């Protein structure tokens, strides 16, 4: 209801936003209950937890990896997930491409951008992402679908708006570099997703 209301307030179709339920720490029984209620998109942060859990969940569930991905876990990520939202370096993208080549599959990805430049968070710096974009786009097994960010935490959701707006502008710059549209902006979590929707989010990551 809140996603629908935010979309109506922003003059957008509710169908333009996908709710990604962040399912870390939740057992397969809870995920099954959510799936039976119509929630099918889930996000996991840790490969080991996902590896144990995903095989026990309904086959109709669709899984996104949203945590920091280490190169030694890429093989599992390629096997388990249908999108990796946290690609934050060319070397990681190359490893994903290599593992996808071995598995004979393609991987939709989002490029994670550290818009605020926080030392405690992973993610591309905006200019570095733009500089490497063409090289990333030439990796044959990777499909760049858009950008993702985690803004600095703040008690008021309005404080996140400038970061969401900046990511949208960065997406437009990336589209100009690539000469092609990028359909997704993954931004907005439980405390600020309405503002993210107003600024163009297509995927909101809700954990509470």
C-alpha atoms as a PDB file:
ATOM      1  CA  UNK A   1       0.000   0.000   0.000  1.00  0.00           C
ATOM      2  CA  UNK A   2       2.831   2.392   0.840  1.00  0.00           C
ATOM      3  CA  UNK A   3       4.620   1.663  -2.461  1.00  0.00           C
ATOM      4  CA  UNK A   4       1.356   2.261  -4.339  1.00  0.00           C
ATOM      5  CA  UNK A   5       0.755   5.533  -2.470  1.00  0.00           C
ATOM      6  CA  UNK A   6       4.328   6.724  -3.143  1.00  0.00           C
ATOM      7  CA  UNK A   7       3.961   5.894  -6.844  1.00  0.00           C
ATOM      8  CA  UNK A   8       0.651   7.754  -7.086  1.00  0.00           C
ATOM      9  CA  UNK A   9       2.204  10.760  -5.316  1.00  0.00           C
ATOM     10  CA  UNK A  10       5.077  10.708  -7.834  1.00  0.00           C
ATOM     11  CA  UNK A  11       2.798  10.185 -10.837  1.00  0.00           C
ATOM     12  CA  UNK A  12       4.216   6.721 -11.526  1.00  0.00           C
ATOM     13  CA  UNK A  13       2.620   3.354 -12.140  1.00  0.00           C
ATOM     14  CA  UNK A  14       2.885   1.033  -9.114  1.00  0.00           C
ATOM     15  CA  UNK A  15       3.960  -1.662 -11.574  1.00  0.00           C
ATOM     16  CA  UNK A  16       7.185   0.300 -12.154  1.00  0.00           C
ATOM     17  CA  UNK A  17       8.509  -0.569  -8.676  1.00  0.00           C
ATOM     18  CA  UNK A  18       9.493  -4.066  -7.505  1.00  0.00           C
ATOM     19  CA  UNK A  19       9.517  -4.891  -3.803  1.00  0.00           C
ATOM     20  CA  UNK A  20      12.647  -6.864  -2.959  1.00  0.00           C
ATOM     21  CA  UNK A  21      12.174  -8.514   0.436  1.00  0.00           C
ATOM     22  CA  UNK A  22      15.498  -8.675   2.264  1.00  0.00           C
ATOM     23  CA  UNK A  23      15.350 -12.187   3.657  1.00  0.00           C
ATOM     24  CA  UNK A  24      18.664 -12.493   5.527  1.00  0.00           C
ATOM     25  CA  UNK A  25      18.273 -14.298   8.875  1.00  0.00           C
ATOM     26  CA  UNK A  26      14.743 -15.439   7.928  1.00  0.00           C
ATOM     27  CA  UNK A  27      14.214 -19.210   7.633  1.00  0.00           C
ATOM     28  CA  UNK A  28      12.790 -21.013   4.579  1.00  0.00           C
ATOM     29  CA  UNK A  29       9.403 -21.354   6.332  1.00  0.00           C
ATOM     30  CA  UNK A  30       9.009 -17.572   6.489  1.00  0.00           C
ATOM     31  CA  UNK A  31      10.040 -17.197   2.852  1.00  0.00           C
ATOM     32  CA  UNK A  32       7.566 -19.878   1.825  1.00  0.00           C
ATOM     33  CA  UNK A  33       4.801 -18.013   3.655  1.00  0.00           C
ATOM     34  CA  UNK A  34       5.756 -14.764   1.914  1.00  0.00           C
ATOM     35  CA  UNK A  35       5.876 -16.509  -1.479  1.00  0.00           C
ATOM     36  CA  UNK A  36       2.431 -18.026  -0.879  1.00  0.00           C
ATOM     37  CA  UNK A  37       1.186 -14.474  -0.229  1.00  0.00           C
ATOM     38  CA  UNK A  38       2.564 -13.273  -3.567  1.00  0.00           C
ATOM     39  CA  UNK A  39       6.004 -11.909  -2.623  1.00  0.00           C
ATOM     40  CA  UNK A  40       8.466 -13.536  -5.034  1.00  0.00           C
ATOM     41  CA  UNK A  41      11.582 -11.327  -5.140  1.00  0.00           C
ATOM     42  CA  UNK A  42      14.076 -11.822  -2.309  1.00  0.00           C
ATOM     43  CA  UNK A  43      17.480 -10.331  -1.526  1.00  0.00           C
ATOM     44  CA  UNK A  44      20.271 -12.053   0.381  1.00  0.00           C
ATOM     45  CA  UNK A  45      23.452 -10.518   1.784  1.00  0.00           C
ATOM     46  CA  UNK A  46      25.604 -13.547   2.568  1.00  0.00           C
ATOM     47  CA  UNK A  47      26.541 -16.361   0.198  1.00  0.00           C
ATOM     48  CA  UNK A  48      26.861 -19.067   2.874  1.00  0.00           C
ATOM     49  CA  UNK A  49      23.401 -18.372   4.273  1.00  0.00           C
ATOM     50  CA  UNK A  50      21.871 -18.267   0.799  1.00  0.00           C
ATOM     51  CA  UNK A  51      23.594 -21.498  -0.210  1.00  0.00           C
ATOM     52  CA  UNK A  52      21.984 -23.323   2.716  1.00  0.00           C
ATOM     53  CA  UNK A  53      18.575 -21.676   2.386  1.00  0.00           C
ATOM     54  CA  UNK A  54      17.688 -21.200  -1.288  1.00  0.00           C
ATOM     55  CA  UNK A  55      17.431 -24.953  -2.102  1.00  0.00           C
ATOM     56  CA  UNK A  56      14.807 -25.250   0.676  1.00  0.00           C
ATOM     57  CA  UNK A  57      12.623 -22.423  -0.672  1.00  0.00           C
ATOM     58  CA  UNK A  58       9.905 -22.562  -3.353  1.00  0.00           C
ATOM     59  CA  UNK A  59      11.211 -22.725  -6.909  1.00  0.00           C
ATOM     60  CA  UNK A  60       9.106 -19.721  -7.924  1.00  0.00           C
ATOM     61  CA  UNK A  61      11.198 -17.399  -5.715  1.00  0.00           C
ATOM     62  CA  UNK A  62      13.560 -15.043  -7.521  1.00  0.00           C
ATOM     63  CA  UNK A  63      16.849 -14.254  -5.807  1.00  0.00           C
ATOM     64  CA  UNK A  64      19.044 -11.137  -5.892  1.00  0.00           C
ATOM     65  CA  UNK A  65      22.435 -10.857  -4.215  1.00  0.00           C
ATOM     66  CA  UNK A  66      22.717  -7.482  -2.487  1.00  0.00           C
ATOM     67  CA  UNK A  67      25.720  -7.861  -0.145  1.00  0.00           C
ATOM     68  CA  UNK A  68      29.418  -7.283  -0.641  1.00  0.00           C
ATOM     69  CA  UNK A  69      30.648 -10.064  -2.944  1.00  0.00           C
ATOM     70  CA  UNK A  70      34.130 -11.509  -2.492  1.00  0.00           C
ATOM     71  CA  UNK A  71      35.784 -12.952  -5.584  1.00  0.00           C
ATOM     72  CA  UNK A  72      36.132 -16.402  -3.989  1.00  0.00           C
ATOM     73  CA  UNK A  73      32.329 -16.558  -3.603  1.00  0.00           C
ATOM     74  CA  UNK A  74      31.485 -15.580  -7.185  1.00  0.00           C
ATOM     75  CA  UNK A  75      31.034 -19.151  -8.422  1.00  0.00           C
ATOM     76  CA  UNK A  76      28.301 -19.751  -5.828  1.00  0.00           C
ATOM     77  CA  UNK A  77      26.699 -16.376  -6.527  1.00  0.00           C
ATOM     78  CA  UNK A  78      26.464 -17.151 -10.238  1.00  0.00           C
ATOM     79  CA  UNK A  79      24.840 -20.485  -9.462  1.00  0.00           C
ATOM     80  CA  UNK A  80      22.347 -19.214  -6.860  1.00  0.00           C
ATOM     81  CA  UNK A  81      21.202 -15.768  -8.025  1.00  0.00           C
ATOM     82  CA  UNK A  82      19.457 -14.284 -11.024  1.00  0.00           C
ATOM     83  CA  UNK A  83      20.830 -10.790 -10.384  1.00  0.00           C
ATOM     84  CA  UNK A  84      23.908  -9.462  -8.570  1.00  0.00           C
ATOM     85  CA  UNK A  85      23.197  -5.923  -7.364  1.00  0.00           C
ATOM     86  CA  UNK A  86      26.563  -5.192  -5.788  1.00  0.00           C
ATOM     87  CA  UNK A  87      29.198  -5.118  -8.537  1.00  0.00           C
ATOM     88  CA  UNK A  88      31.712  -2.561  -7.276  1.00  0.00           C
ATOM     89  CA  UNK A  89      34.888  -3.121  -9.315  1.00  0.00           C
ATOM     90  CA  UNK A  90      36.078  -4.158 -12.759  1.00  0.00           C
ATOM     91  CA  UNK A  91      37.979  -7.112 -11.288  1.00  0.00           C
ATOM     92  CA  UNK A  92      34.795  -8.443  -9.649  1.00  0.00           C
ATOM     93  CA  UNK A  93      32.882  -8.027 -12.901  1.00  0.00           C
ATOM     94  CA  UNK A  94      35.614  -9.911 -14.765  1.00  0.00           C
ATOM     95  CA  UNK A  95      35.405 -12.777 -12.259  1.00  0.00           C
ATOM     96  CA  UNK A  96      31.609 -12.910 -12.641  1.00  0.00           C
ATOM     97  CA  UNK A  97      32.046 -12.936 -16.406  1.00  0.00           C
ATOM     98  CA  UNK A  98      34.551 -15.820 -16.155  1.00  0.00           C
ATOM     99  CA  UNK A  99      32.292 -17.902 -13.901  1.00  0.00           C
ATOM    100  CA  UNK A 100      29.261 -17.199 -16.096  1.00  0.00           C
ATOM    101  CA  UNK A 101      31.258 -18.339 -19.118  1.00  0.00           C
ATOM    102  CA  UNK A 102      32.006 -21.633 -17.354  1.00  0.00           C
ATOM    103  CA  UNK A 103      28.322 -22.018 -16.455  1.00  0.00           C
ATOM    104  CA  UNK A 104      27.143 -20.987 -19.949  1.00  0.00           C
ATOM    105  CA  UNK A 105      24.849 -18.289 -18.595  1.00  0.00           C
ATOM    106  CA  UNK A 106      24.495 -14.519 -18.553  1.00  0.00           C
ATOM    107  CA  UNK A 107      24.171 -12.467 -15.380  1.00  0.00           C
ATOM    108  CA  UNK A 108      22.161  -9.267 -15.027  1.00  0.00           C
ATOM    109  CA  UNK A 109      24.040  -6.934 -12.677  1.00  0.00           C
ATOM    110  CA  UNK A 110      23.705  -3.549 -11.049  1.00  0.00           C
ATOM    111  CA  UNK A 111      26.748  -1.401 -10.384  1.00  0.00           C
ATOM    112  CA  UNK A 112      26.916  -0.393  -6.726  1.00  0.00           C
ATOM    113  CA  UNK A 113      27.894   3.253  -6.305  1.00  0.00           C
ATOM    114  CA  UNK A 114      29.127   4.808  -3.059  1.00  0.00           C
ATOM    115  CA  UNK A 115      27.484   8.164  -3.742  1.00  0.00           C
ATOM    116  CA  UNK A 116      28.434   9.709  -0.392  1.00  0.00           C
ATOM    117  CA  UNK A 117      32.026   8.439  -0.495  1.00  0.00           C
ATOM    118  CA  UNK A 118      31.693   6.765   2.911  1.00  0.00           C
ATOM    119  CA  UNK A 119      34.859   4.920   3.922  1.00  0.00           C
ATOM    120  CA  UNK A 120      32.803   2.294   5.759  1.00  0.00           C
ATOM    121  CA  UNK A 121      30.871   1.245   2.641  1.00  0.00           C
ATOM    122  CA  UNK A 122      31.840  -0.578  -0.513  1.00  0.00           C
ATOM    123  CA  UNK A 123      30.829   0.640  -3.940  1.00  0.00           C
ATOM    124  CA  UNK A 124      32.246   2.488  -6.915  1.00  0.00           C
ATOM    125  CA  UNK A 125      33.134   6.142  -6.693  1.00  0.00           C
ATOM    126  CA  UNK A 126      30.952   7.788  -9.384  1.00  0.00           C
ATOM    127  CA  UNK A 127      33.750   8.973 -11.681  1.00  0.00           C
ATOM    128  CA  UNK A 128      35.581   5.643 -11.518  1.00  0.00           C
ATOM    129  CA  UNK A 129      32.390   3.811 -12.463  1.00  0.00           C
ATOM    130  CA  UNK A 130      31.885   6.082 -15.469  1.00  0.00           C
ATOM    131  CA  UNK A 131      35.543   5.639 -16.482  1.00  0.00           C
ATOM    132  CA  UNK A 132      35.261   1.827 -16.435  1.00  0.00           C
ATOM    133  CA  UNK A 133      31.745   1.623 -17.838  1.00  0.00           C
ATOM    134  CA  UNK A 134      32.621   0.796 -21.440  1.00  0.00           C
ATOM    135  CA  UNK A 135      35.050  -1.917 -20.351  1.00  0.00           C
ATOM    136  CA  UNK A 136      32.405  -3.361 -18.024  1.00  0.00           C
ATOM    137  CA  UNK A 137      29.863  -3.284 -20.837  1.00  0.00           C
ATOM    138  CA  UNK A 138      32.196  -5.233 -23.140  1.00  0.00           C
ATOM    139  CA  UNK A 139      32.199  -8.267 -20.828  1.00  0.00           C
ATOM    140  CA  UNK A 140      30.060 -10.667 -22.884  1.00  0.00           C
ATOM    141  CA  UNK A 141      28.426 -12.594 -20.016  1.00  0.00           C
ATOM    142  CA  UNK A 142      27.394  -9.536 -18.017  1.00  0.00           C
ATOM    143  CA  UNK A 143      24.292  -7.420 -18.634  1.00  0.00           C
ATOM    144  CA  UNK A 144      24.381  -4.028 -16.907  1.00  0.00           C
ATOM    145  CA  UNK A 145      20.797  -3.247 -15.882  1.00  0.00           C
ATOM    146  CA  UNK A 146      21.385  -0.150 -13.776  1.00  0.00           C
ATOM    147  CA  UNK A 147      22.795   1.236 -10.534  1.00  0.00           C
ATOM    148  CA  UNK A 148      22.409   0.574  -6.816  1.00  0.00           C
ATOM    149  CA  UNK A 149      23.294   2.616  -3.734  1.00  0.00           C
ATOM    150  CA  UNK A 150      23.027   2.666   0.064  1.00  0.00           C
ATOM    151  CA  UNK A 151      22.892   6.270   1.344  1.00  0.00           C
ATOM    152  CA  UNK A 152      24.246   7.353   4.723  1.00  0.00           C
ATOM    153  CA  UNK A 153      21.885   6.445   7.554  1.00  0.00           C
ATOM    154  CA  UNK A 154      19.741   9.309   8.825  1.00  0.00           C
ATOM    155  CA  UNK A 155      16.691   9.391  11.106  1.00  0.00           C
ATOM    156  CA  UNK A 156      14.688  11.499   8.620  1.00  0.00           C
ATOM    157  CA  UNK A 157      14.033  10.002   5.194  1.00  0.00           C
ATOM    158  CA  UNK A 158      14.331  13.398   3.479  1.00  0.00           C
ATOM    159  CA  UNK A 159      18.068  13.391   4.295  1.00  0.00           C
ATOM    160  CA  UNK A 160      18.453  10.521   1.796  1.00  0.00           C
ATOM    161  CA  UNK A 161      16.833  12.401  -1.097  1.00  0.00           C
ATOM    162  CA  UNK A 162      19.988  14.163  -2.403  1.00  0.00           C
ATOM    163  CA  UNK A 163      21.789  10.806  -2.684  1.00  0.00           C
ATOM    164  CA  UNK A 164      18.889   9.184  -4.550  1.00  0.00           C
ATOM    165  CA  UNK A 165      18.670  12.173  -6.864  1.00  0.00           C
ATOM    166  CA  UNK A 166      22.409  12.013  -7.494  1.00  0.00           C
ATOM    167  CA  UNK A 167      22.195   8.312  -8.390  1.00  0.00           C
ATOM    168  CA  UNK A 168      19.419   9.053 -10.895  1.00  0.00           C
ATOM    169  CA  UNK A 169      21.554  11.756 -12.494  1.00  0.00           C
ATOM    170  CA  UNK A 170      24.512   9.390 -12.563  1.00  0.00           C
ATOM    171  CA  UNK A 171      22.359   6.794 -14.326  1.00  0.00           C
ATOM    172  CA  UNK A 172      21.545   9.368 -16.990  1.00  0.00           C
ATOM    173  CA  UNK A 173      25.267  10.063 -17.461  1.00  0.00           C
ATOM    174  CA  UNK A 174      25.931   6.319 -17.705  1.00  0.00           C
ATOM    175  CA  UNK A 175      23.197   5.950 -20.322  1.00  0.00           C
ATOM    176  CA  UNK A 176      24.857   8.700 -22.359  1.00  0.00           C
ATOM    177  CA  UNK A 177      28.201   6.847 -22.192  1.00  0.00           C
ATOM    178  CA  UNK A 178      26.623   3.547 -23.231  1.00  0.00           C
ATOM    179  CA  UNK A 179      24.140   4.970 -25.713  1.00  0.00           C
ATOM    180  CA  UNK A 180      21.485   2.699 -24.242  1.00  0.00           C
ATOM    181  CA  UNK A 181      18.897   2.858 -21.457  1.00  0.00           C
ATOM    182  CA  UNK A 182      19.544   1.362 -18.020  1.00  0.00           C
ATOM    183  CA  UNK A 183      16.168   0.231 -16.660  1.00  0.00           C
ATOM    184  CA  UNK A 184      16.908  -0.093 -12.944  1.00  0.00           C
ATOM    185  CA  UNK A 185      17.704   2.040  -9.927  1.00  0.00           C
ATOM    186  CA  UNK A 186      17.948  -0.056  -6.760  1.00  0.00           C
ATOM    187  CA  UNK A 187      17.670   2.434  -3.933  1.00  0.00           C
ATOM    188  CA  UNK A 188      15.546   2.906  -0.870  1.00  0.00           C
ATOM    189  CA  UNK A 189      15.199   0.673   2.165  1.00  0.00           C
ATOM    190  CA  UNK A 190      12.678   0.325   4.972  1.00  0.00           C
ATOM    191  CA  UNK A 191      13.188   3.833   6.358  1.00  0.00           C
ATOM    192  CA  UNK A 192      13.330   5.868   3.142  1.00  0.00           C
ATOM    193  CA  UNK A 193      11.811   3.926   0.238  1.00  0.00           C
ATOM    194  CA  UNK A 194       8.977   6.424  -0.405  1.00  0.00           C
ATOM    195  CA  UNK A 195      11.516   9.178  -1.080  1.00  0.00           C
ATOM    196  CA  UNK A 196      13.515   6.776  -3.267  1.00  0.00           C
ATOM    197  CA  UNK A 197      10.401   6.044  -5.334  1.00  0.00           C
ATOM    198  CA  UNK A 198       9.799   9.773  -5.794  1.00  0.00           C
ATOM    199  CA  UNK A 199      13.367  10.024  -7.124  1.00  0.00           C
ATOM    200  CA  UNK A 200      12.998   7.132  -9.573  1.00  0.00           C
ATOM    201  CA  UNK A 201      13.701   3.856  -7.746  1.00  0.00           C
ATOM    202  CA  UNK A 202      12.562   0.717  -9.579  1.00  0.00           C
ATOM    203  CA  UNK A 203      13.759  -1.757  -6.904  1.00  0.00           C
ATOM    204  CA  UNK A 204      13.276  -1.078  -3.198  1.00  0.00           C
ATOM    205  CA  UNK A 205      15.037  -3.318  -0.657  1.00  0.00           C
ATOM    206  CA  UNK A 206      12.792  -3.776   2.381  1.00  0.00           C
ATOM    207  CA  UNK A 207      13.927  -5.716   5.430  1.00  0.00           C
ATOM    208  CA  UNK A 208      11.438  -4.795   8.133  1.00  0.00           C
END
